[in-house]
Amino acid sequence: MLRVQVEVWPGGRVLQSQVIGVANIANASELADVSDYEGYVDGIPVEVKGHLRSEGAWSLLRKALEDAGY
């Protein structure tokens, strides 16, 4: 599973950090070279079909964000 958490640290102060976004994306294809994924971006269900695992996590995250309407 890929989990991405985006935080804001006002003035670089971790004690005042705030979570402003979370994505949880899981492989639904038993780690095939071309895989399908399911998950949530800020509570919105997402599906990514036919992702080439060799494209990496950032590409997968971009596709999940697009599916969530971002």
PDB file of N, CA and C in Angstrom:
ATOM      1  N   MET A   1       0.847  -1.173   0.000  1.00  0.00           N
ATOM      2  CA  MET A   1       0.000   0.000   0.000  1.00  0.00           C
ATOM      3  C   MET A   1       0.893   1.236   0.000  1.00  0.00           C
ATOM      4  N   LEU A   2       0.476   2.211  -0.762  1.00  0.00           N
ATOM      5  CA  LEU A   2       1.134   3.513  -0.792  1.00  0.00           C
ATOM      6  C   LEU A   2       0.303   4.472   0.045  1.00  0.00           C
ATOM      7  N   ARG A   3       0.964   5.136   0.992  1.00  0.00           N
ATOM      8  CA  ARG A   3       0.283   6.155   1.798  1.00  0.00           C
ATOM      9  C   ARG A   3       1.073   7.449   1.650  1.00  0.00           C
ATOM     10  N   VAL A   4       0.372   8.507   1.284  1.00  0.00           N
ATOM     11  CA  VAL A   4       0.985   9.823   1.157  1.00  0.00           C
ATOM     12  C   VAL A   4       0.215  10.762   2.065  1.00  0.00           C
ATOM     13  N   GLN A   5       0.950  11.448   2.938  1.00  0.00           N
ATOM     14  CA  GLN A   5       0.340  12.415   3.845  1.00  0.00           C
ATOM     15  C   GLN A   5       1.017  13.754   3.605  1.00  0.00           C
ATOM     16  N   VAL A   6       0.227  14.766   3.319  1.00  0.00           N
ATOM     17  CA  VAL A   6       0.752  16.106   3.060  1.00  0.00           C
ATOM     18  C   VAL A   6       0.477  16.957   4.292  1.00  0.00           C
ATOM     19  N   GLU A   7       1.529  17.606   4.785  1.00  0.00           N
ATOM     20  CA  GLU A   7       1.420  18.442   5.973  1.00  0.00           C
ATOM     21  C   GLU A   7       1.950  19.839   5.687  1.00  0.00           C
ATOM     22  N   VAL A   8       1.425  20.802   6.419  1.00  0.00           N
ATOM     23  CA  VAL A   8       1.957  22.156   6.421  1.00  0.00           C
ATOM     24  C   VAL A   8       2.619  22.360   7.780  1.00  0.00           C
ATOM     25  N   TRP A   9       3.833  22.882   7.756  1.00  0.00           N
ATOM     26  CA  TRP A   9       4.573  23.185   8.982  1.00  0.00           C
ATOM     27  C   TRP A   9       4.790  24.693   9.027  1.00  0.00           C
ATOM     28  N   PRO A  10       3.901  25.449   9.650  1.00  0.00           N
ATOM     29  CA  PRO A  10       4.033  26.908   9.678  1.00  0.00           C
ATOM     30  C   PRO A  10       5.384  27.329  10.275  1.00  0.00           C
ATOM     31  N   GLY A  11       6.151  28.075   9.501  1.00  0.00           N
ATOM     32  CA  GLY A  11       7.452  28.532   9.967  1.00  0.00           C
ATOM     33  C   GLY A  11       8.425  27.406  10.249  1.00  0.00           C
ATOM     34  N   GLY A  12       8.161  26.210   9.720  1.00  0.00           N
ATOM     35  CA  GLY A  12       9.025  25.060   9.957  1.00  0.00           C
ATOM     36  C   GLY A  12       8.836  24.407  11.318  1.00  0.00           C
ATOM     37  N   ARG A  13       7.777  24.749  12.013  1.00  0.00           N
ATOM     38  CA  ARG A  13       7.535  24.240  13.374  1.00  0.00           C
ATOM     39  C   ARG A  13       6.662  22.983  13.324  1.00  0.00           C
ATOM     40  N   VAL A  14       7.284  21.836  13.589  1.00  0.00           N
ATOM     41  CA  VAL A  14       6.579  20.562  13.530  1.00  0.00           C
ATOM     42  C   VAL A  14       5.446  20.486  14.551  1.00  0.00           C
ATOM     43  N   LEU A  15       5.598  21.125  15.687  1.00  0.00           N
ATOM     44  CA  LEU A  15       4.554  21.062  16.713  1.00  0.00           C
ATOM     45  C   LEU A  15       3.276  21.782  16.289  1.00  0.00           C
ATOM     46  N   GLN A  16       3.369  22.626  15.272  1.00  0.00           N
ATOM     47  CA  GLN A  16       2.185  23.312  14.755  1.00  0.00           C
ATOM     48  C   GLN A  16       1.748  22.755  13.403  1.00  0.00           C
ATOM     49  N   SER A  17       2.275  21.580  13.058  1.00  0.00           N
ATOM     50  CA  SER A  17       1.959  21.004  11.742  1.00  0.00           C
ATOM     51  C   SER A  17       0.480  20.645  11.646  1.00  0.00           C
ATOM     52  N   GLN A  18      -0.030  20.704  10.416  1.00  0.00           N
ATOM     53  CA  GLN A  18      -1.416  20.343  10.127  1.00  0.00           C
ATOM     54  C   GLN A  18      -1.442  19.450   8.898  1.00  0.00           C
ATOM     55  N   VAL A  19      -2.172  18.363   8.974  1.00  0.00           N
ATOM     56  CA  VAL A  19      -2.360  17.478   7.820  1.00  0.00           C
ATOM     57  C   VAL A  19      -3.380  18.135   6.905  1.00  0.00           C
ATOM     58  N   ILE A  20      -3.019  18.298   5.626  1.00  0.00           N
ATOM     59  CA  ILE A  20      -3.949  18.917   4.676  1.00  0.00           C
ATOM     60  C   ILE A  20      -4.372  17.960   3.563  1.00  0.00           C
ATOM     61  N   GLY A  21      -3.815  16.732   3.553  1.00  0.00           N
ATOM     62  CA  GLY A  21      -4.218  15.760   2.549  1.00  0.00           C
ATOM     63  C   GLY A  21      -3.653  14.391   2.844  1.00  0.00           C
ATOM     64  N   VAL A  22      -4.431  13.341   2.514  1.00  0.00           N
ATOM     65  CA  VAL A  22      -3.995  11.960   2.711  1.00  0.00           C
ATOM     66  C   VAL A  22      -4.482  11.120   1.539  1.00  0.00           C
ATOM     67  N   ALA A  23      -3.577  10.278   1.041  1.00  0.00           N
ATOM     68  CA  ALA A  23      -3.937   9.315  -0.004  1.00  0.00           C
ATOM     69  C   ALA A  23      -3.481   7.928   0.433  1.00  0.00           C
ATOM     70  N   ASN A  24      -4.373   6.956   0.320  1.00  0.00           N
ATOM     71  CA  ASN A  24      -4.065   5.551   0.566  1.00  0.00           C
ATOM     72  C   ASN A  24      -4.438   4.784  -0.694  1.00  0.00           C
ATOM     73  N   ILE A  25      -3.444   4.138  -1.312  1.00  0.00           N
ATOM     74  CA  ILE A  25      -3.662   3.467  -2.590  1.00  0.00           C
ATOM     75  C   ILE A  25      -3.056   2.066  -2.511  1.00  0.00           C
ATOM     76  N   ALA A  26      -3.862   1.043  -2.800  1.00  0.00           N
ATOM     77  CA  ALA A  26      -3.418  -0.345  -2.678  1.00  0.00           C
ATOM     78  C   ALA A  26      -3.457  -1.051  -4.027  1.00  0.00           C
ATOM     79  N   ASN A  27      -2.469  -1.906  -4.259  1.00  0.00           N
ATOM     80  CA  ASN A  27      -2.411  -2.713  -5.475  1.00  0.00           C
ATOM     81  C   ASN A  27      -3.483  -3.795  -5.387  1.00  0.00           C
ATOM     82  N   ALA A  28      -4.300  -3.905  -6.428  1.00  0.00           N
ATOM     83  CA  ALA A  28      -5.375  -4.900  -6.469  1.00  0.00           C
ATOM     84  C   ALA A  28      -5.075  -5.993  -7.489  1.00  0.00           C
ATOM     85  N   SER A  29      -3.814  -6.080  -7.945  1.00  0.00           N
ATOM     86  CA  SER A  29      -3.458  -7.012  -9.025  1.00  0.00           C
ATOM     87  C   SER A  29      -2.283  -7.915  -8.677  1.00  0.00           C
ATOM     88  N   GLU A  30      -2.065  -8.175  -7.411  1.00  0.00           N
ATOM     89  CA  GLU A  30      -1.002  -9.076  -6.971  1.00  0.00           C
ATOM     90  C   GLU A  30       0.361  -8.689  -7.526  1.00  0.00           C
ATOM     91  N   LEU A  31       0.633  -7.386  -7.575  1.00  0.00           N
ATOM     92  CA  LEU A  31       1.939  -6.838  -7.961  1.00  0.00           C
ATOM     93  C   LEU A  31       2.358  -7.184  -9.389  1.00  0.00           C
ATOM     94  N   ALA A  32       1.395  -7.295 -10.291  1.00  0.00           N
ATOM     95  CA  ALA A  32       1.703  -7.529 -11.701  1.00  0.00           C
ATOM     96  C   ALA A  32       2.437  -6.316 -12.272  1.00  0.00           C
ATOM     97  N   ASP A  33       3.197  -6.510 -13.355  1.00  0.00           N
ATOM     98  CA  ASP A  33       3.925  -5.400 -13.984  1.00  0.00           C
ATOM     99  C   ASP A  33       2.992  -4.266 -14.400  1.00  0.00           C
ATOM    100  N   VAL A  34       1.804  -4.636 -14.866  1.00  0.00           N
ATOM    101  CA  VAL A  34       0.751  -3.659 -15.160  1.00  0.00           C
ATOM    102  C   VAL A  34      -0.365  -3.960 -14.169  1.00  0.00           C
ATOM    103  N   SER A  35      -0.588  -3.034 -13.244  1.00  0.00           N
ATOM    104  CA  SER A  35      -1.474  -3.303 -12.108  1.00  0.00           C
ATOM    105  C   SER A  35      -2.642  -2.336 -12.039  1.00  0.00           C
ATOM    106  N   ASP A  36      -3.684  -2.788 -11.360  1.00  0.00           N
ATOM    107  CA  ASP A  36      -4.830  -1.953 -11.017  1.00  0.00           C
ATOM    108  C   ASP A  36      -4.723  -1.598  -9.534  1.00  0.00           C
ATOM    109  N   TYR A  37      -5.207  -0.414  -9.189  1.00  0.00           N
ATOM    110  CA  TYR A  37      -5.109   0.082  -7.824  1.00  0.00           C
ATOM    111  C   TYR A  37      -6.456   0.614  -7.359  1.00  0.00           C
ATOM    112  N   GLU A  38      -6.690   0.521  -6.053  1.00  0.00           N
ATOM    113  CA  GLU A  38      -7.893   1.050  -5.421  1.00  0.00           C
ATOM    114  C   GLU A  38      -7.473   1.795  -4.168  1.00  0.00           C
ATOM    115  N   GLY A  39      -8.252   2.774  -3.792  1.00  0.00           N
ATOM    116  CA  GLY A  39      -7.941   3.472  -2.555  1.00  0.00           C
ATOM    117  C   GLY A  39      -8.782   4.701  -2.358  1.00  0.00           C
ATOM    118  N   TYR A  40      -8.224   5.620  -1.572  1.00  0.00           N
ATOM    119  CA  TYR A  40      -8.915   6.855  -1.229  1.00  0.00           C
ATOM    120  C   TYR A  40      -7.947   8.023  -1.273  1.00  0.00           C
ATOM    121  N   VAL A  41      -8.426   9.145  -1.757  1.00  0.00           N
ATOM    122  CA  VAL A  41      -7.696  10.407  -1.682  1.00  0.00           C
ATOM    123  C   VAL A  41      -8.613  11.377  -0.936  1.00  0.00           C
ATOM    124  N   ASP A  42      -8.204  11.765   0.239  1.00  0.00           N
ATOM    125  CA  ASP A  42      -9.031  12.643   1.089  1.00  0.00           C
ATOM    126  C   ASP A  42     -10.457  12.118   1.233  1.00  0.00           C
ATOM    127  N   GLY A  43     -10.590  10.815   1.409  1.00  0.00           N
ATOM    128  CA  GLY A  43     -11.897  10.198   1.613  1.00  0.00           C
ATOM    129  C   GLY A  43     -12.675   9.911   0.340  1.00  0.00           C
ATOM    130  N   ILE A  44     -12.147  10.301  -0.812  1.00  0.00           N
ATOM    131  CA  ILE A  44     -12.809  10.072  -2.100  1.00  0.00           C
ATOM    132  C   ILE A  44     -12.298   8.753  -2.671  1.00  0.00           C
ATOM    133  N   PRO A  45     -13.182   7.798  -2.977  1.00  0.00           N
ATOM    134  CA  PRO A  45     -12.723   6.530  -3.555  1.00  0.00           C
ATOM    135  C   PRO A  45     -12.088   6.758  -4.929  1.00  0.00           C
ATOM    136  N   VAL A  46     -10.970   6.065  -5.185  1.00  0.00           N
ATOM    137  CA  VAL A  46     -10.277   6.174  -6.474  1.00  0.00           C
ATOM    138  C   VAL A  46      -9.953   4.796  -7.011  1.00  0.00           C
ATOM    139  N   GLU A  47      -9.857   4.728  -8.347  1.00  0.00           N
ATOM    140  CA  GLU A  47      -9.422   3.527  -9.057  1.00  0.00           C
ATOM    141  C   GLU A  47      -8.444   3.939 -10.139  1.00  0.00           C
ATOM    142  N   VAL A  48      -7.343   3.222 -10.213  1.00  0.00           N
ATOM    143  CA  VAL A  48      -6.378   3.432 -11.285  1.00  0.00           C
ATOM    144  C   VAL A  48      -6.219   2.083 -11.972  1.00  0.00           C
ATOM    145  N   LYS A  49      -6.554   2.029 -13.238  1.00  0.00           N
ATOM    146  CA  LYS A  49      -6.483   0.782 -14.010  1.00  0.00           C
ATOM    147  C   LYS A  49      -5.285   0.817 -14.949  1.00  0.00           C
ATOM    148  N   GLY A  50      -4.573  -0.301 -15.053  1.00  0.00           N
ATOM    149  CA  GLY A  50      -3.525  -0.455 -16.045  1.00  0.00           C
ATOM    150  C   GLY A  50      -2.287   0.403 -15.821  1.00  0.00           C
ATOM    151  N   HIS A  51      -1.905   0.605 -14.571  1.00  0.00           N
ATOM    152  CA  HIS A  51      -0.713   1.407 -14.278  1.00  0.00           C
ATOM    153  C   HIS A  51       0.542   0.550 -14.426  1.00  0.00           C
ATOM    154  N   LEU A  52       1.499   1.037 -15.192  1.00  0.00           N
ATOM    155  CA  LEU A  52       2.792   0.363 -15.309  1.00  0.00           C
ATOM    156  C   LEU A  52       3.580   0.619 -14.031  1.00  0.00           C
ATOM    157  N   ARG A  53       3.867  -0.429 -13.279  1.00  0.00           N
ATOM    158  CA  ARG A  53       4.565  -0.248 -12.008  1.00  0.00           C
ATOM    159  C   ARG A  53       5.931   0.395 -12.212  1.00  0.00           C
ATOM    160  N   SER A  54       6.533   0.190 -13.370  1.00  0.00           N
ATOM    161  CA  SER A  54       7.847   0.783 -13.645  1.00  0.00           C
ATOM    162  C   SER A  54       7.787   2.307 -13.732  1.00  0.00           C
ATOM    163  N   GLU A  55       6.591   2.894 -13.882  1.00  0.00           N
ATOM    164  CA  GLU A  55       6.436   4.356 -13.918  1.00  0.00           C
ATOM    165  C   GLU A  55       6.610   4.980 -12.539  1.00  0.00           C
ATOM    166  N   GLY A  56       6.481   4.190 -11.493  1.00  0.00           N
ATOM    167  CA  GLY A  56       6.756   4.669 -10.148  1.00  0.00           C
ATOM    168  C   GLY A  56       5.571   5.243  -9.388  1.00  0.00           C
ATOM    169  N   ALA A  57       5.876   5.593  -8.138  1.00  0.00           N
ATOM    170  CA  ALA A  57       4.845   6.025  -7.198  1.00  0.00           C
ATOM    171  C   ALA A  57       4.276   7.393  -7.532  1.00  0.00           C
ATOM    172  N   TRP A  58       5.110   8.325  -8.020  1.00  0.00           N
ATOM    173  CA  TRP A  58       4.607   9.677  -8.302  1.00  0.00           C
ATOM    174  C   TRP A  58       3.608   9.654  -9.451  1.00  0.00           C
ATOM    175  N   SER A  59       3.862   8.831 -10.437  1.00  0.00           N
ATOM    176  CA  SER A  59       2.928   8.698 -11.551  1.00  0.00           C
ATOM    177  C   SER A  59       1.607   8.098 -11.066  1.00  0.00           C
ATOM    178  N   LEU A  60       1.696   7.094 -10.204  1.00  0.00           N
ATOM    179  CA  LEU A  60       0.499   6.482  -9.630  1.00  0.00           C
ATOM    180  C   LEU A  60      -0.285   7.502  -8.818  1.00  0.00           C
ATOM    181  N   LEU A  61       0.405   8.284  -8.016  1.00  0.00           N
ATOM    182  CA  LEU A  61      -0.265   9.305  -7.210  1.00  0.00           C
ATOM    183  C   LEU A  61      -0.956  10.332  -8.101  1.00  0.00           C
ATOM    184  N   ARG A  62      -0.298  10.764  -9.174  1.00  0.00           N
ATOM    185  CA  ARG A  62      -0.905  11.722 -10.099  1.00  0.00           C
ATOM    186  C   ARG A  62      -2.202  11.161 -10.675  1.00  0.00           C
ATOM    187  N   LYS A  63      -2.181   9.900 -11.095  1.00  0.00           N
ATOM    188  CA  LYS A  63      -3.375   9.267 -11.667  1.00  0.00           C
ATOM    189  C   LYS A  63      -4.495   9.164 -10.628  1.00  0.00           C
ATOM    190  N   ALA A  64      -4.141   8.842  -9.389  1.00  0.00           N
ATOM    191  CA  ALA A  64      -5.144   8.750  -8.319  1.00  0.00           C
ATOM    192  C   ALA A  64      -5.745  10.125  -8.026  1.00  0.00           C
ATOM    193  N   LEU A  65      -4.906  11.156  -8.014  1.00  0.00           N
ATOM    194  CA  LEU A  65      -5.404  12.523  -7.795  1.00  0.00           C
ATOM    195  C   LEU A  65      -6.349  12.935  -8.908  1.00  0.00           C
ATOM    196  N   GLU A  66      -6.011  12.607 -10.153  1.00  0.00           N
ATOM    197  CA  GLU A  66      -6.883  12.931 -11.282  1.00  0.00           C
ATOM    198  C   GLU A  66      -8.216  12.207 -11.148  1.00  0.00           C
ATOM    199  N   ASP A  67      -8.175  10.931 -10.738  1.00  0.00           N
ATOM    200  CA  ASP A  67      -9.409  10.158 -10.589  1.00  0.00           C
ATOM    201  C   ASP A  67     -10.289  10.751  -9.489  1.00  0.00           C
ATOM    202  N   ALA A  68      -9.659  11.354  -8.475  1.00  0.00           N
ATOM    203  CA  ALA A  68     -10.403  11.976  -7.377  1.00  0.00           C
ATOM    204  C   ALA A  68     -10.922  13.368  -7.750  1.00  0.00           C
ATOM    205  N   GLY A  69     -10.536  13.853  -8.918  1.00  0.00           N
ATOM    206  CA  GLY A  69     -11.028  15.151  -9.367  1.00  0.00           C
ATOM    207  C   GLY A  69     -10.117  16.313  -9.048  1.00  0.00           C
ATOM    208  N   TYR A  70      -8.882  16.050  -8.665  1.00  0.00           N
ATOM    209  CA  TYR A  70      -7.927  17.123  -8.368  1.00  0.00           C
ATOM    210  C   TYR A  70      -7.139  17.484  -9.611  1.00  0.00           C
TER     211      TYR A  70
END
